[in-house]
């Protein structure tokens, strides 16, 4: 039940910003709870740095390439 309430709260914010023209501090503040930047990994010869974005009401959403379809 709490998850449904959180999703509804998040969707209220989404409806408010259906066509944003700029990334404003207010928009970020309403959508993003926190951003976690991990230490860079250079073991593959390329610099790879993981960044986790935790959204208000719904938490972290994984947009990693290996999870896209």
Protein backbone atom coordinates (compact mmCIF):
# COMPACT_ATOMS: atom_id res chain seq x y z
CA UNK A 1 0.00 0.00 0.00
CA UNK A 2 2.82 2.43 0.86
CA UNK A 3 4.44 1.74 -2.52
CA UNK A 4 1.20 2.67 -4.32
CA UNK A 5 1.02 5.94 -2.40
CA UNK A 6 4.65 6.69 -3.30
CA UNK A 7 4.03 6.03 -6.98
CA UNK A 8 0.97 8.30 -6.92
CA UNK A 9 3.02 11.06 -5.30
CA UNK A 10 5.74 10.67 -7.90
CA UNK A 11 3.21 10.75 -10.75
CA UNK A 12 1.80 14.04 -9.43
CA UNK A 13 5.24 15.58 -9.92
CA UNK A 14 5.60 13.99 -13.37
CA UNK A 15 2.27 15.47 -14.50
CA UNK A 16 3.40 18.89 -13.30
CA UNK A 17 6.47 18.73 -15.58
CA UNK A 18 5.24 16.94 -18.71
CA UNK A 19 7.18 19.18 -21.10
CA UNK A 20 10.04 20.89 -19.26
CA UNK A 21 12.00 23.42 -21.30
CA UNK A 22 14.93 23.64 -18.89
CA UNK A 23 16.52 21.67 -16.08
CA UNK A 24 15.89 24.02 -13.17
CA UNK A 25 16.92 23.70 -9.52
CA UNK A 26 13.22 23.49 -8.58
CA UNK A 27 12.62 20.60 -10.98
CA UNK A 28 15.64 18.71 -9.67
CA UNK A 29 14.65 19.35 -6.06
CA UNK A 30 11.17 17.94 -6.64
CA UNK A 31 12.32 14.83 -8.53
CA UNK A 32 15.69 13.88 -7.01
CA UNK A 33 16.24 12.75 -3.42
CA UNK A 34 19.99 12.14 -3.76
CA UNK A 35 22.76 11.38 -6.22
CA UNK A 36 25.52 8.92 -5.30
CA UNK A 37 28.76 9.12 -7.32
CA UNK A 38 30.95 6.03 -6.95
CA UNK A 39 34.72 5.87 -7.31
CA UNK A 40 35.95 5.56 -10.89
CA UNK A 41 37.00 2.10 -12.11
CA UNK A 42 39.91 2.00 -14.58
CA UNK A 43 40.56 -1.76 -14.46
CA UNK A 44 39.29 -2.32 -18.03
CA UNK A 45 41.57 0.35 -19.47
CA UNK A 46 38.62 2.73 -19.72
CA UNK A 47 37.36 5.02 -16.99
CA UNK A 48 33.93 3.86 -15.85
CA UNK A 49 32.10 5.69 -13.11
CA UNK A 50 28.79 4.58 -11.67
CA UNK A 51 26.25 7.22 -10.69
CA UNK A 52 23.07 6.29 -8.81
CA UNK A 53 20.11 8.67 -8.90
CA UNK A 54 17.55 8.18 -6.13
CA UNK A 55 14.21 9.78 -6.99
CA UNK A 56 11.72 11.14 -4.48
CA UNK A 57 8.98 8.67 -3.56
CA UNK A 58 10.22 5.80 -5.80
CA UNK A 59 13.90 5.39 -4.96
CA UNK A 60 16.64 4.33 -7.37
CA UNK A 61 15.82 3.38 -10.96
CA UNK A 62 18.52 1.41 -12.76
CA UNK A 63 19.09 2.76 -16.28
CA UNK A 64 22.29 0.75 -16.85
CA UNK A 65 22.80 -0.32 -20.47
CA UNK A 66 22.68 -3.99 -19.53
CA UNK A 67 19.14 -3.51 -18.16
CA UNK A 68 17.71 -1.62 -21.17
CA UNK A 69 15.52 -3.46 -23.65
